[in-house]
Amino acid sequence: MADCPIRIEVETAYLDHQSEPDEGRYAFAYSITIHNDGPVAAKLLSRHWIITDADGGVQEVRGEGVVGEQPLIRPGEHFHYSSGAILPTPVGSMRGAYTMIDASGHEFQAPIAAFTLARPGTLH
């Protein structure tokens, strides 16, 4: 939806202390800030992630809310949370969408553009 009132910013980090490259385990953290740039409040109902590793393996994750919450984000406000993902490769990507509902009961998708998860020093 080109005129989606929800804007999503993502920051990522490689978690060296939680990773075990010899075991094919690469841990990443991501911090998300969800901004409501629209004129009405919107509640986050659910999430859908598509996580792709460097070998083309895909994991899909669906669930209610984020980090145990279904935040109501008022116009001009934002909601911030952090979570993580484990990949079998040192590089991967995530993309997805949040299902939101606005104050008038209209349900819509807030797309999350693809972002890269990469161990520092890894070509991607």
PDB file of N, CA and C in Angstrom:
ATOM      1  N   MET A   1       0.855  -1.167   0.000  1.00  0.00           N
ATOM      2  CA  MET A   1       0.000   0.000   0.000  1.00  0.00           C
ATOM      3  C   MET A   1       0.901   1.231   0.000  1.00  0.00           C
ATOM      4  N   ALA A   2       0.893   1.978  -1.088  1.00  0.00           N
ATOM      5  CA  ALA A   2       1.815   3.088  -1.286  1.00  0.00           C
ATOM      6  C   ALA A   2       1.618   4.208  -0.273  1.00  0.00           C
ATOM      7  N   ASP A   3       0.407   4.406   0.177  1.00  0.00           N
ATOM      8  CA  ASP A   3       0.136   5.492   1.118  1.00  0.00           C
ATOM      9  C   ASP A   3      -0.037   4.990   2.550  1.00  0.00           C
ATOM     10  N   CYS A   4       0.674   3.943   2.886  1.00  0.00           N
ATOM     11  CA  CYS A   4       0.586   3.370   4.227  1.00  0.00           C
ATOM     12  C   CYS A   4       1.049   4.406   5.251  1.00  0.00           C
ATOM     13  N   PRO A   5       0.239   4.643   6.285  1.00  0.00           N
ATOM     14  CA  PRO A   5       0.611   5.646   7.297  1.00  0.00           C
ATOM     15  C   PRO A   5       1.685   5.168   8.279  1.00  0.00           C
ATOM     16  N   ILE A   6       2.074   3.909   8.171  1.00  0.00           N
ATOM     17  CA  ILE A   6       3.052   3.337   9.096  1.00  0.00           C
ATOM     18  C   ILE A   6       4.421   3.279   8.425  1.00  0.00           C
ATOM     19  N   ARG A   7       5.423   3.852   9.089  1.00  0.00           N
ATOM     20  CA  ARG A   7       6.802   3.858   8.586  1.00  0.00           C
ATOM     21  C   ARG A   7       7.651   3.039   9.549  1.00  0.00           C
ATOM     22  N   ILE A   8       8.468   2.152   9.000  1.00  0.00           N
ATOM     23  CA  ILE A   8       9.239   1.221   9.818  1.00  0.00           C
ATOM     24  C   ILE A   8      10.732   1.420   9.584  1.00  0.00           C
ATOM     25  N   GLU A   9      11.468   1.618  10.685  1.00  0.00           N
ATOM     26  CA  GLU A   9      12.928   1.749  10.626  1.00  0.00           C
ATOM     27  C   GLU A   9      13.539   0.531  11.315  1.00  0.00           C
ATOM     28  N   VAL A  10      14.641   0.040  10.750  1.00  0.00           N
ATOM     29  CA  VAL A  10      15.285  -1.165  11.275  1.00  0.00           C
ATOM     30  C   VAL A  10      16.778  -0.919  11.470  1.00  0.00           C
ATOM     31  N   GLU A  11      17.308  -1.382  12.589  1.00  0.00           N
ATOM     32  CA  GLU A  11      18.748  -1.423  12.830  1.00  0.00           C
ATOM     33  C   GLU A  11      19.089  -2.864  13.184  1.00  0.00           C
ATOM     34  N   THR A  12      20.243  -3.332  12.704  1.00  0.00           N
ATOM     35  CA  THR A  12      20.643  -4.716  12.971  1.00  0.00           C
ATOM     36  C   THR A  12      22.022  -4.774  13.608  1.00  0.00           C
ATOM     37  N   ALA A  13      22.291  -5.887  14.262  1.00  0.00           N
ATOM     38  CA  ALA A  13      23.605  -6.116  14.867  1.00  0.00           C
ATOM     39  C   ALA A  13      23.884  -7.609  14.873  1.00  0.00           C
ATOM     40  N   TYR A  14      25.145  -7.952  14.652  1.00  0.00           N
ATOM     41  CA  TYR A  14      25.589  -9.333  14.758  1.00  0.00           C
ATOM     42  C   TYR A  14      25.969  -9.593  16.209  1.00  0.00           C
ATOM     43  N   LEU A  15      25.518 -10.708  16.755  1.00  0.00           N
ATOM     44  CA  LEU A  15      25.787 -11.047  18.156  1.00  0.00           C
ATOM     45  C   LEU A  15      26.877 -12.105  18.220  1.00  0.00           C
ATOM     46  N   ASP A  16      28.104 -11.641  18.220  1.00  0.00           N
ATOM     47  CA  ASP A  16      29.259 -12.544  18.212  1.00  0.00           C
ATOM     48  C   ASP A  16      29.233 -13.498  19.403  1.00  0.00           C
ATOM     49  N   HIS A  17      28.911 -12.985  20.592  1.00  0.00           N
ATOM     50  CA  HIS A  17      28.942 -13.792  21.821  1.00  0.00           C
ATOM     51  C   HIS A  17      27.840 -14.859  21.870  1.00  0.00           C
ATOM     52  N   GLN A  18      26.819 -14.744  21.006  1.00  0.00           N
ATOM     53  CA  GLN A  18      25.767 -15.760  20.969  1.00  0.00           C
ATOM     54  C   GLN A  18      25.868 -16.660  19.740  1.00  0.00           C
ATOM     55  N   SER A  19      26.851 -16.384  18.899  1.00  0.00           N
ATOM     56  CA  SER A  19      27.014 -17.146  17.656  1.00  0.00           C
ATOM     57  C   SER A  19      28.035 -18.263  17.839  1.00  0.00           C
ATOM     58  N   GLU A  20      27.846 -19.331  17.058  1.00  0.00           N
ATOM     59  CA  GLU A  20      28.766 -20.463  17.041  1.00  0.00           C
ATOM     60  C   GLU A  20      28.985 -20.850  15.579  1.00  0.00           C
ATOM     61  N   PRO A  21      29.845 -20.080  14.878  1.00  0.00           N
ATOM     62  CA  PRO A  21      30.037 -20.343  13.447  1.00  0.00           C
ATOM     63  C   PRO A  21      30.408 -21.785  13.122  1.00  0.00           C
ATOM     64  N   ASP A  22      31.206 -22.436  13.990  1.00  0.00           N
ATOM     65  CA  ASP A  22      31.580 -23.831  13.738  1.00  0.00           C
ATOM     66  C   ASP A  22      30.382 -24.764  13.772  1.00  0.00           C
ATOM     67  N   GLU A  23      29.308 -24.320  14.424  1.00  0.00           N
ATOM     68  CA  GLU A  23      28.077 -25.118  14.528  1.00  0.00           C
ATOM     69  C   GLU A  23      27.015 -24.646  13.540  1.00  0.00           C
ATOM     70  N   GLY A  24      27.353 -23.665  12.675  1.00  0.00           N
ATOM     71  CA  GLY A  24      26.370 -23.132  11.731  1.00  0.00           C
ATOM     72  C   GLY A  24      25.287 -22.328  12.430  1.00  0.00           C
ATOM     73  N   ARG A  25      25.703 -21.551  13.435  1.00  0.00           N
ATOM     74  CA  ARG A  25      24.739 -20.752  14.205  1.00  0.00           C
ATOM     75  C   ARG A  25      25.234 -19.303  14.245  1.00  0.00           C
ATOM     76  N   TYR A  26      24.489 -18.427  13.581  1.00  0.00           N
ATOM     77  CA  TYR A  26      24.821 -17.005  13.528  1.00  0.00           C
ATOM     78  C   TYR A  26      23.650 -16.223  14.124  1.00  0.00           C
ATOM     79  N   ALA A  27      23.933 -15.512  15.202  1.00  0.00           N
ATOM     80  CA  ALA A  27      22.880 -14.804  15.934  1.00  0.00           C
ATOM     81  C   ALA A  27      22.877 -13.312  15.571  1.00  0.00           C
ATOM     82  N   PHE A  28      21.702 -12.790  15.357  1.00  0.00           N
ATOM     83  CA  PHE A  28      21.527 -11.390  14.998  1.00  0.00           C
ATOM     84  C   PHE A  28      20.440 -10.769  15.862  1.00  0.00           C
ATOM     85  N   ALA A  29      20.626  -9.498  16.169  1.00  0.00           N
ATOM     86  CA  ALA A  29      19.592  -8.716  16.842  1.00  0.00           C
ATOM     87  C   ALA A  29      19.075  -7.692  15.837  1.00  0.00           C
ATOM     88  N   TYR A  30      17.799  -7.374  15.957  1.00  0.00           N
ATOM     89  CA  TYR A  30      17.255  -6.274  15.155  1.00  0.00           C
ATOM     90  C   TYR A  30      16.373  -5.419  16.047  1.00  0.00           C
ATOM     91  N   SER A  31      16.477  -4.125  15.845  1.00  0.00           N
ATOM     92  CA  SER A  31      15.667  -3.159  16.583  1.00  0.00           C
ATOM     93  C   SER A  31      14.763  -2.464  15.585  1.00  0.00           C
ATOM     94  N   ILE A  32      13.499  -2.437  15.917  1.00  0.00           N
ATOM     95  CA  ILE A  32      12.484  -1.886  15.018  1.00  0.00           C
ATOM     96  C   ILE A  32      11.822  -0.689  15.686  1.00  0.00           C
ATOM     97  N   THR A  33      11.655   0.374  14.915  1.00  0.00           N
ATOM     98  CA  THR A  33      10.857   1.509  15.352  1.00  0.00           C
ATOM     99  C   THR A  33       9.715   1.657  14.358  1.00  0.00           C
ATOM    100  N   ILE A  34       8.490   1.595  14.882  1.00  0.00           N
ATOM    101  CA  ILE A  34       7.282   1.706  14.062  1.00  0.00           C
ATOM    102  C   ILE A  34       6.698   3.093  14.304  1.00  0.00           C
ATOM    103  N   HIS A  35       6.674   3.901  13.254  1.00  0.00           N
ATOM    104  CA  HIS A  35       6.168   5.278  13.351  1.00  0.00           C
ATOM    105  C   HIS A  35       4.766   5.351  12.755  1.00  0.00           C
ATOM    106  N   ASN A  36       3.873   6.047  13.409  1.00  0.00           N
ATOM    107  CA  ASN A  36       2.549   6.306  12.846  1.00  0.00           C
ATOM    108  C   ASN A  36       2.556   7.726  12.290  1.00  0.00           C
ATOM    109  N   ASP A  37       2.689   7.840  10.972  1.00  0.00           N
ATOM    110  CA  ASP A  37       2.689   9.134  10.294  1.00  0.00           C
ATOM    111  C   ASP A  37       1.291   9.515   9.812  1.00  0.00           C
ATOM    112  N   GLY A  38       0.301   8.692  10.148  1.00  0.00           N
ATOM    113  CA  GLY A  38      -1.063   8.940   9.681  1.00  0.00           C
ATOM    114  C   GLY A  38      -1.872   9.790  10.649  1.00  0.00           C
ATOM    115  N   PRO A  39      -3.130  10.060  10.288  1.00  0.00           N
ATOM    116  CA  PRO A  39      -3.993  10.927  11.093  1.00  0.00           C
ATOM    117  C   PRO A  39      -4.776  10.218  12.203  1.00  0.00           C
ATOM    118  N   VAL A  40      -4.757   8.878  12.222  1.00  0.00           N
ATOM    119  CA  VAL A  40      -5.520   8.142  13.245  1.00  0.00           C
ATOM    120  C   VAL A  40      -4.646   7.087  13.921  1.00  0.00           C
ATOM    121  N   ALA A  41      -5.027   6.700  15.118  1.00  0.00           N
ATOM    122  CA  ALA A  41      -4.312   5.660  15.854  1.00  0.00           C
ATOM    123  C   ALA A  41      -4.409   4.333  15.108  1.00  0.00           C
ATOM    124  N   ALA A  42      -3.380   3.498  15.275  1.00  0.00           N
ATOM    125  CA  ALA A  42      -3.367   2.172  14.661  1.00  0.00           C
ATOM    126  C   ALA A  42      -2.782   1.180  15.663  1.00  0.00           C
ATOM    127  N   LYS A  43      -3.401   0.011  15.722  1.00  0.00           N
ATOM    128  CA  LYS A  43      -2.957  -1.050  16.625  1.00  0.00           C
ATOM    129  C   LYS A  43      -2.307  -2.157  15.820  1.00  0.00           C
ATOM    130  N   LEU A  44      -1.154  -2.627  16.288  1.00  0.00           N
ATOM    131  CA  LEU A  44      -0.459  -3.734  15.642  1.00  0.00           C
ATOM    132  C   LEU A  44      -1.107  -5.033  16.120  1.00  0.00           C
ATOM    133  N   LEU A  45      -1.650  -5.789  15.193  1.00  0.00           N
ATOM    134  CA  LEU A  45      -2.317  -7.046  15.541  1.00  0.00           C
ATOM    135  C   LEU A  45      -1.383  -8.250  15.448  1.00  0.00           C
ATOM    136  N   SER A  46      -0.635  -8.336  14.332  1.00  0.00           N
ATOM    137  CA  SER A  46       0.205  -9.518  14.120  1.00  0.00           C
ATOM    138  C   SER A  46       1.389  -9.183  13.226  1.00  0.00           C
ATOM    139  N   ARG A  47       2.313 -10.152  13.161  1.00  0.00           N
ATOM    140  CA  ARG A  47       3.512  -9.993  12.351  1.00  0.00           C
ATOM    141  C   ARG A  47       3.659 -11.193  11.419  1.00  0.00           C
ATOM    142  N   HIS A  48       4.336 -10.958  10.309  1.00  0.00           N
ATOM    143  CA  HIS A  48       4.673 -12.017   9.365  1.00  0.00           C
ATOM    144  C   HIS A  48       6.070 -11.718   8.852  1.00  0.00           C
ATOM    145  N   TRP A  49       7.006 -12.595   9.139  1.00  0.00           N
ATOM    146  CA  TRP A  49       8.393 -12.439   8.705  1.00  0.00           C
ATOM    147  C   TRP A  49       8.738 -13.531   7.707  1.00  0.00           C
ATOM    148  N   ILE A  50       9.538 -13.165   6.716  1.00  0.00           N
ATOM    149  CA  ILE A  50      10.137 -14.124   5.794  1.00  0.00           C
ATOM    150  C   ILE A  50      11.641 -13.937   5.950  1.00  0.00           C
ATOM    151  N   ILE A  51      12.306 -14.972   6.467  1.00  0.00           N
ATOM    152  CA  ILE A  51      13.736 -14.914   6.772  1.00  0.00           C
ATOM    153  C   ILE A  51      14.445 -15.842   5.790  1.00  0.00           C
ATOM    154  N   THR A  52      15.391 -15.285   5.037  1.00  0.00           N
ATOM    155  CA  THR A  52      16.088 -16.047   4.006  1.00  0.00           C
ATOM    156  C   THR A  52      17.575 -16.095   4.333  1.00  0.00           C
ATOM    157  N   ASP A  53      18.169 -17.290   4.311  1.00  0.00           N
ATOM    158  CA  ASP A  53      19.606 -17.398   4.574  1.00  0.00           C
ATOM    159  C   ASP A  53      20.374 -17.403   3.247  1.00  0.00           C
ATOM    160  N   ALA A  54      21.699 -17.401   3.324  1.00  0.00           N
ATOM    161  CA  ALA A  54      22.538 -17.302   2.133  1.00  0.00           C
ATOM    162  C   ALA A  54      22.445 -18.534   1.235  1.00  0.00           C
ATOM    163  N   ASP A  55      21.957 -19.643   1.763  1.00  0.00           N
ATOM    164  CA  ASP A  55      21.799 -20.857   0.964  1.00  0.00           C
ATOM    165  C   ASP A  55      20.414 -20.941   0.314  1.00  0.00           C
ATOM    166  N   GLY A  56      19.603 -19.897   0.508  1.00  0.00           N
ATOM    167  CA  GLY A  56      18.258 -19.880  -0.066  1.00  0.00           C
ATOM    168  C   GLY A  56      17.204 -20.510   0.823  1.00  0.00           C
ATOM    169  N   GLY A  57      17.599 -20.947   2.011  1.00  0.00           N
ATOM    170  CA  GLY A  57      16.626 -21.501   2.947  1.00  0.00           C
ATOM    171  C   GLY A  57      15.702 -20.396   3.451  1.00  0.00           C
ATOM    172  N   VAL A  58      14.423 -20.710   3.581  1.00  0.00           N
ATOM    173  CA  VAL A  58      13.440 -19.716   3.994  1.00  0.00           C
ATOM    174  C   VAL A  58      12.692 -20.205   5.231  1.00  0.00           C
ATOM    175  N   GLN A  59      12.581 -19.326   6.213  1.00  0.00           N
ATOM    176  CA  GLN A  59      11.745 -19.567   7.389  1.00  0.00           C
ATOM    177  C   GLN A  59      10.633 -18.518   7.381  1.00  0.00           C
ATOM    178  N   GLU A  60       9.420 -18.935   7.656  1.00  0.00           N
ATOM    179  CA  GLU A  60       8.335 -17.968   7.805  1.00  0.00           C
ATOM    180  C   GLU A  60       7.900 -17.973   9.260  1.00  0.00           C
ATOM    181  N   VAL A  61       7.713 -16.787   9.796  1.00  0.00           N
ATOM    182  CA  VAL A  61       7.290 -16.638  11.181  1.00  0.00           C
ATOM    183  C   VAL A  61       6.036 -15.776  11.197  1.00  0.00           C
ATOM    184  N   ARG A  62       4.994 -16.299  11.806  1.00  0.00           N
ATOM    185  CA  ARG A  62       3.746 -15.549  11.968  1.00  0.00           C
ATOM    186  C   ARG A  62       3.367 -15.593  13.438  1.00  0.00           C
ATOM    187  N   GLY A  63       2.785 -14.520  13.911  1.00  0.00           N
ATOM    188  CA  GLY A  63       2.346 -14.533  15.298  1.00  0.00           C
ATOM    189  C   GLY A  63       1.613 -13.258  15.668  1.00  0.00           C
ATOM    190  N   GLU A  64       0.967 -13.328  16.807  1.00  0.00           N
ATOM    191  CA  GLU A  64       0.262 -12.157  17.316  1.00  0.00           C
ATOM    192  C   GLU A  64       1.258 -11.164  17.874  1.00  0.00           C
ATOM    193  N   GLY A  65       1.032  -9.888  17.579  1.00  0.00           N
ATOM    194  CA  GLY A  65       1.807  -8.814  18.173  1.00  0.00           C
ATOM    195  C   GLY A  65       3.300  -8.946  17.949  1.00  0.00           C
ATOM    196  N   VAL A  66       4.041  -8.194  18.766  1.00  0.00           N
ATOM    197  CA  VAL A  66       5.505  -8.237  18.768  1.00  0.00           C
ATOM    198  C   VAL A  66       5.958  -8.204  20.215  1.00  0.00           C
ATOM    199  N   VAL A  67       6.949  -8.993  20.553  1.00  0.00           N
ATOM    200  CA  VAL A  67       7.483  -9.124  21.910  1.00  0.00           C
ATOM    201  C   VAL A  67       6.371  -9.152  22.966  1.00  0.00           C
ATOM    202  N   GLY A  68       5.316  -9.919  22.680  1.00  0.00           N
ATOM    203  CA  GLY A  68       4.230 -10.085  23.640  1.00  0.00           C
ATOM    204  C   GLY A  68       3.275  -8.912  23.754  1.00  0.00           C
ATOM    205  N   GLU A  69       3.377  -7.949  22.859  1.00  0.00           N
ATOM    206  CA  GLU A  69       2.511  -6.773  22.916  1.00  0.00           C
ATOM    207  C   GLU A  69       1.788  -6.559  21.595  1.00  0.00           C
ATOM    208  N   GLN A  70       0.644  -5.886  21.688  1.00  0.00           N
ATOM    209  CA  GLN A  70      -0.088  -5.414  20.515  1.00  0.00           C
ATOM    210  C   GLN A  70      -0.277  -3.907  20.720  1.00  0.00           C
ATOM    211  N   PRO A  71       0.794  -3.144  20.444  1.00  0.00           N
ATOM    212  CA  PRO A  71       0.763  -1.725  20.785  1.00  0.00           C
ATOM    213  C   PRO A  71      -0.218  -0.899  19.955  1.00  0.00           C
ATOM    214  N   LEU A  72      -0.823   0.079  20.608  1.00  0.00           N
ATOM    215  CA  LEU A  72      -1.637   1.091  19.944  1.00  0.00           C
ATOM    216  C   LEU A  72      -0.714   2.290  19.739  1.00  0.00           C
ATOM    217  N   ILE A  73      -0.539   2.671  18.492  1.00  0.00           N
ATOM    218  CA  ILE A  73       0.380   3.766  18.162  1.00  0.00           C
ATOM    219  C   ILE A  73      -0.452   4.942  17.673  1.00  0.00           C
ATOM    220  N   ARG A  74      -0.443   5.996  18.441  1.00  0.00           N
ATOM    221  CA  ARG A  74      -1.232   7.179  18.095  1.00  0.00           C
ATOM    222  C   ARG A  74      -0.534   8.005  17.021  1.00  0.00           C
ATOM    223  N   PRO A  75      -1.281   8.885  16.327  1.00  0.00           N
ATOM    224  CA  PRO A  75      -0.667   9.730  15.296  1.00  0.00           C
ATOM    225  C   PRO A  75       0.539  10.494  15.850  1.00  0.00           C
ATOM    226  N   GLY A  76       1.628  10.465  15.108  1.00  0.00           N
ATOM    227  CA  GLY A  76       2.839  11.173  15.509  1.00  0.00           C
ATOM    228  C   GLY A  76       3.683  10.445  16.534  1.00  0.00           C
ATOM    229  N   GLU A  77       3.211   9.288  17.010  1.00  0.00           N
ATOM    230  CA  GLU A  77       3.965   8.525  18.012  1.00  0.00           C
ATOM    231  C   GLU A  77       4.668   7.343  17.353  1.00  0.00           C
ATOM    232  N   HIS A  78       5.499   6.661  18.146  1.00  0.00           N
ATOM    233  CA  HIS A  78       6.191   5.482  17.641  1.00  0.00           C
ATOM    234  C   HIS A  78       6.281   4.429  18.744  1.00  0.00           C
ATOM    235  N   PHE A  79       6.564   3.195  18.306  1.00  0.00           N
ATOM    236  CA  PHE A  79       6.767   2.070  19.215  1.00  0.00           C
ATOM    237  C   PHE A  79       8.091   1.427  18.819  1.00  0.00           C
ATOM    238  N   HIS A  80       8.931   1.157  19.818  1.00  0.00           N
ATOM    239  CA  HIS A  80      10.254   0.593  19.563  1.00  0.00           C
ATOM    240  C   HIS A  80      10.381  -0.745  20.290  1.00  0.00           C
ATOM    241  N   TYR A  81      10.957  -1.738  19.614  1.00  0.00           N
ATOM    242  CA  TYR A  81      11.246  -3.010  20.271  1.00  0.00           C
ATOM    243  C   TYR A  81      12.465  -3.655  19.621  1.00  0.00           C
ATOM    244  N   SER A  82      13.031  -4.614  20.326  1.00  0.00           N
ATOM    245  CA  SER A  82      14.166  -5.377  19.814  1.00  0.00           C
ATOM    246  C   SER A  82      13.869  -6.862  19.905  1.00  0.00           C
ATOM    247  N   SER A  83      14.395  -7.600  18.936  1.00  0.00           N
ATOM    248  CA  SER A  83      14.230  -9.045  18.917  1.00  0.00           C
ATOM    249  C   SER A  83      15.454  -9.632  18.228  1.00  0.00           C
ATOM    250  N   GLY A  84      15.365 -10.900  17.846  1.00  0.00           N
ATOM    251  CA  GLY A  84      16.524 -11.527  17.240  1.00  0.00           C
ATOM    252  C   GLY A  84      16.162 -12.671  16.326  1.00  0.00           C
ATOM    253  N   ALA A  85      17.180 -13.124  15.589  1.00  0.00           N
ATOM    254  CA  ALA A  85      17.023 -14.245  14.668  1.00  0.00           C
ATOM    255  C   ALA A  85      18.332 -15.029  14.643  1.00  0.00           C
ATOM    256  N   ILE A  86      18.203 -16.331  14.453  1.00  0.00           N
ATOM    257  CA  ILE A  86      19.348 -17.226  14.316  1.00  0.00           C
ATOM    258  C   ILE A  86      19.335 -17.760  12.887  1.00  0.00           C
ATOM    259  N   LEU A  87      20.483 -17.634  12.209  1.00  0.00           N
ATOM    260  CA  LEU A  87      20.594 -18.144  10.848  1.00  0.00           C
ATOM    261  C   LEU A  87      21.690 -19.204  10.783  1.00  0.00           C
ATOM    262  N   PRO A  88      21.604 -20.118   9.791  1.00  0.00           N
ATOM    263  CA  PRO A  88      22.658 -21.113   9.618  1.00  0.00           C
ATOM    264  C   PRO A  88      23.816 -20.601   8.758  1.00  0.00           C
ATOM    265  N   THR A  89      23.702 -19.378   8.249  1.00  0.00           N
ATOM    266  CA  THR A  89      24.730 -18.782   7.402  1.00  0.00           C
ATOM    267  C   THR A  89      25.083 -17.392   7.954  1.00  0.00           C
ATOM    268  N   PRO A  90      26.276 -16.856   7.610  1.00  0.00           N
ATOM    269  CA  PRO A  90      26.693 -15.560   8.153  1.00  0.00           C
ATOM    270  C   PRO A  90      25.987 -14.360   7.529  1.00  0.00           C
ATOM    271  N   VAL A  91      25.215 -14.592   6.473  1.00  0.00           N
ATOM    272  CA  VAL A  91      24.475 -13.519   5.818  1.00  0.00           C
ATOM    273  C   VAL A  91      23.064 -14.010   5.536  1.00  0.00           C
ATOM    274  N   GLY A  92      22.107 -13.113   5.649  1.00  0.00           N
ATOM    275  CA  GLY A  92      20.727 -13.431   5.317  1.00  0.00           C
ATOM    276  C   GLY A  92      19.930 -12.152   5.222  1.00  0.00           C
ATOM    277  N   SER A  93      18.636 -12.309   5.046  1.00  0.00           N
ATOM    278  CA  SER A  93      17.779 -11.129   4.982  1.00  0.00           C
ATOM    279  C   SER A  93      16.429 -11.440   5.622  1.00  0.00           C
ATOM    280  N   MET A  94      15.753 -10.366   5.996  1.00  0.00           N
ATOM    281  CA  MET A  94      14.402 -10.479   6.543  1.00  0.00           C
ATOM    282  C   MET A  94      13.525  -9.444   5.850  1.00  0.00           C
ATOM    283  N   ARG A  95      12.271  -9.799   5.676  1.00  0.00           N
ATOM    284  CA  ARG A  95      11.257  -8.870   5.186  1.00  0.00           C
ATOM    285  C   ARG A  95       9.924  -9.364   5.713  1.00  0.00           C
ATOM    286  N   GLY A  96       8.908  -8.540   5.584  1.00  0.00           N
ATOM    287  CA  GLY A  96       7.623  -8.996   6.063  1.00  0.00           C
ATOM    288  C   GLY A  96       6.596  -7.898   6.112  1.00  0.00           C
ATOM    289  N   ALA A  97       5.662  -8.040   7.066  1.00  0.00           N
ATOM    290  CA  ALA A  97       4.579  -7.062   7.211  1.00  0.00           C
ATOM    291  C   ALA A  97       3.960  -7.194   8.587  1.00  0.00           C
ATOM    292  N   TYR A  98       3.433  -6.084   9.051  1.00  0.00           N
ATOM    293  CA  TYR A  98       2.604  -6.070  10.246  1.00  0.00           C
ATOM    294  C   TYR A  98       1.167  -5.894   9.801  1.00  0.00           C
ATOM    295  N   THR A  99       0.264  -6.668  10.387  1.00  0.00           N
ATOM    296  CA  THR A  99      -1.159  -6.435  10.177  1.00  0.00           C
ATOM    297  C   THR A  99      -1.589  -5.446  11.245  1.00  0.00           C
ATOM    298  N   MET A 100      -2.169  -4.342  10.797  1.00  0.00           N
ATOM    299  CA  MET A 100      -2.582  -3.254  11.680  1.00  0.00           C
ATOM    300  C   MET A 100      -4.090  -3.049  11.542  1.00  0.00           C
ATOM    301  N   ILE A 101      -4.673  -2.397  12.529  1.00  0.00           N
ATOM    302  CA  ILE A 101      -6.070  -1.986  12.428  1.00  0.00           C
ATOM    303  C   ILE A 101      -6.155  -0.554  12.928  1.00  0.00           C
ATOM    304  N   ASP A 102      -6.840   0.292  12.149  1.00  0.00           N
ATOM    305  CA  ASP A 102      -6.927   1.690  12.559  1.00  0.00           C
ATOM    306  C   ASP A 102      -8.181   1.928  13.401  1.00  0.00           C
ATOM    307  N   ALA A 103      -8.314   3.135  13.890  1.00  0.00           N
ATOM    308  CA  ALA A 103      -9.390   3.477  14.824  1.00  0.00           C
ATOM    309  C   ALA A 103     -10.776   3.278  14.234  1.00  0.00           C
ATOM    310  N   SER A 104     -10.881   3.285  12.898  1.00  0.00           N
ATOM    311  CA  SER A 104     -12.196   3.083  12.271  1.00  0.00           C
ATOM    312  C   SER A 104     -12.475   1.613  11.985  1.00  0.00           C
ATOM    313  N   GLY A 105     -11.545   0.720  12.389  1.00  0.00           N
ATOM    314  CA  GLY A 105     -11.753  -0.710  12.188  1.00  0.00           C
ATOM    315  C   GLY A 105     -11.219  -1.232  10.866  1.00  0.00           C
ATOM    316  N   HIS A 106     -10.509  -0.388  10.109  1.00  0.00           N
ATOM    317  CA  HIS A 106      -9.933  -0.794   8.827  1.00  0.00           C
ATOM    318  C   HIS A 106      -8.619  -1.540   9.074  1.00  0.00           C
ATOM    319  N   GLU A 107      -8.561  -2.795   8.614  1.00  0.00           N
ATOM    320  CA  GLU A 107      -7.351  -3.590   8.753  1.00  0.00           C
ATOM    321  C   GLU A 107      -6.473  -3.366   7.526  1.00  0.00           C
ATOM    322  N   PHE A 108      -5.168  -3.242   7.727  1.00  0.00           N
ATOM    323  CA  PHE A 108      -4.259  -3.032   6.608  1.00  0.00           C
ATOM    324  C   PHE A 108      -2.893  -3.619   6.925  1.00  0.00           C
ATOM    325  N   GLN A 109      -2.096  -3.785   5.882  1.00  0.00           N
ATOM    326  CA  GLN A 109      -0.745  -4.319   6.006  1.00  0.00           C
ATOM    327  C   GLN A 109       0.259  -3.174   5.978  1.00  0.00           C
ATOM    328  N   ALA A 110       1.192  -3.178   6.916  1.00  0.00           N
ATOM    329  CA  ALA A 110       2.309  -2.234   6.922  1.00  0.00           C
ATOM    330  C   ALA A 110       3.537  -3.031   6.492  1.00  0.00           C
ATOM    331  N   PRO A 111       4.014  -2.828   5.262  1.00  0.00           N
ATOM    332  CA  PRO A 111       5.136  -3.632   4.766  1.00  0.00           C
ATOM    333  C   PRO A 111       6.447  -3.293   5.461  1.00  0.00           C
ATOM    334  N   ILE A 112       7.261  -4.320   5.656  1.00  0.00           N
ATOM    335  CA  ILE A 112       8.599  -4.167   6.212  1.00  0.00           C
ATOM    336  C   ILE A 112       9.558  -4.500   5.075  1.00  0.00           C
ATOM    337  N   ALA A 113      10.257  -3.489   4.577  1.00  0.00           N
ATOM    338  CA  ALA A 113      11.180  -3.689   3.460  1.00  0.00           C
ATOM    339  C   ALA A 113      12.295  -4.647   3.869  1.00  0.00           C
ATOM    340  N   ALA A 114      12.822  -5.363   2.900  1.00  0.00           N
ATOM    341  CA  ALA A 114      13.912  -6.310   3.159  1.00  0.00           C
ATOM    342  C   ALA A 114      15.118  -5.593   3.755  1.00  0.00           C
ATOM    343  N   PHE A 115      15.721  -6.238   4.743  1.00  0.00           N
ATOM    344  CA  PHE A 115      16.958  -5.732   5.318  1.00  0.00           C
ATOM    345  C   PHE A 115      17.923  -6.893   5.492  1.00  0.00           C
ATOM    346  N   THR A 116      19.210  -6.561   5.505  1.00  0.00           N
ATOM    347  CA  THR A 116      20.262  -7.571   5.545  1.00  0.00           C
ATOM    348  C   THR A 116      20.725  -7.845   6.968  1.00  0.00           C
ATOM    349  N   LEU A 117      20.956  -9.102   7.248  1.00  0.00           N
ATOM    350  CA  LEU A 117      21.620  -9.544   8.476  1.00  0.00           C
ATOM    351  C   LEU A 117      22.978 -10.077   8.018  1.00  0.00           C
ATOM    352  N   ALA A 118      24.071  -9.497   8.529  1.00  0.00           N
ATOM    353  CA  ALA A 118      25.390  -9.924   8.057  1.00  0.00           C
ATOM    354  C   ALA A 118      26.425  -9.851   9.161  1.00  0.00           C
ATOM    355  N   ARG A 119      27.207 -10.911   9.241  1.00  0.00           N
ATOM    356  CA  ARG A 119      28.357 -10.919  10.157  1.00  0.00           C
ATOM    357  C   ARG A 119      29.379  -9.927   9.609  1.00  0.00           C
ATOM    358  N   PRO A 120      29.951  -9.072  10.458  1.00  0.00           N
ATOM    359  CA  PRO A 120      30.939  -8.096   9.976  1.00  0.00           C
ATOM    360  C   PRO A 120      32.081  -8.791   9.220  1.00  0.00           C
ATOM    361  N   GLY A 121      32.492  -8.188   8.119  1.00  0.00           N
ATOM    362  CA  GLY A 121      33.559  -8.736   7.313  1.00  0.00           C
ATOM    363  C   GLY A 121      33.102  -9.755   6.300  1.00  0.00           C
ATOM    364  N   THR A 122      31.794 -10.035   6.262  1.00  0.00           N
ATOM    365  CA  THR A 122      31.234 -10.986   5.318  1.00  0.00           C
ATOM    366  C   THR A 122      30.733 -10.219   4.100  1.00  0.00           C
ATOM    367  N   LEU A 123      31.094 -10.685   2.926  1.00  0.00           N
ATOM    368  CA  LEU A 123      30.584 -10.045   1.710  1.00  0.00           C
ATOM    369  C   LEU A 123      29.103 -10.313   1.589  1.00  0.00           C
ATOM    370  N   HIS A 124      28.360  -9.277   1.247  1.00  0.00           N
ATOM    371  CA  HIS A 124      26.904  -9.450   1.033  1.00  0.00           C
ATOM    372  C   HIS A 124      26.417  -8.509  -0.018  1.00  0.00           C
TER     373      HIS A 124
END
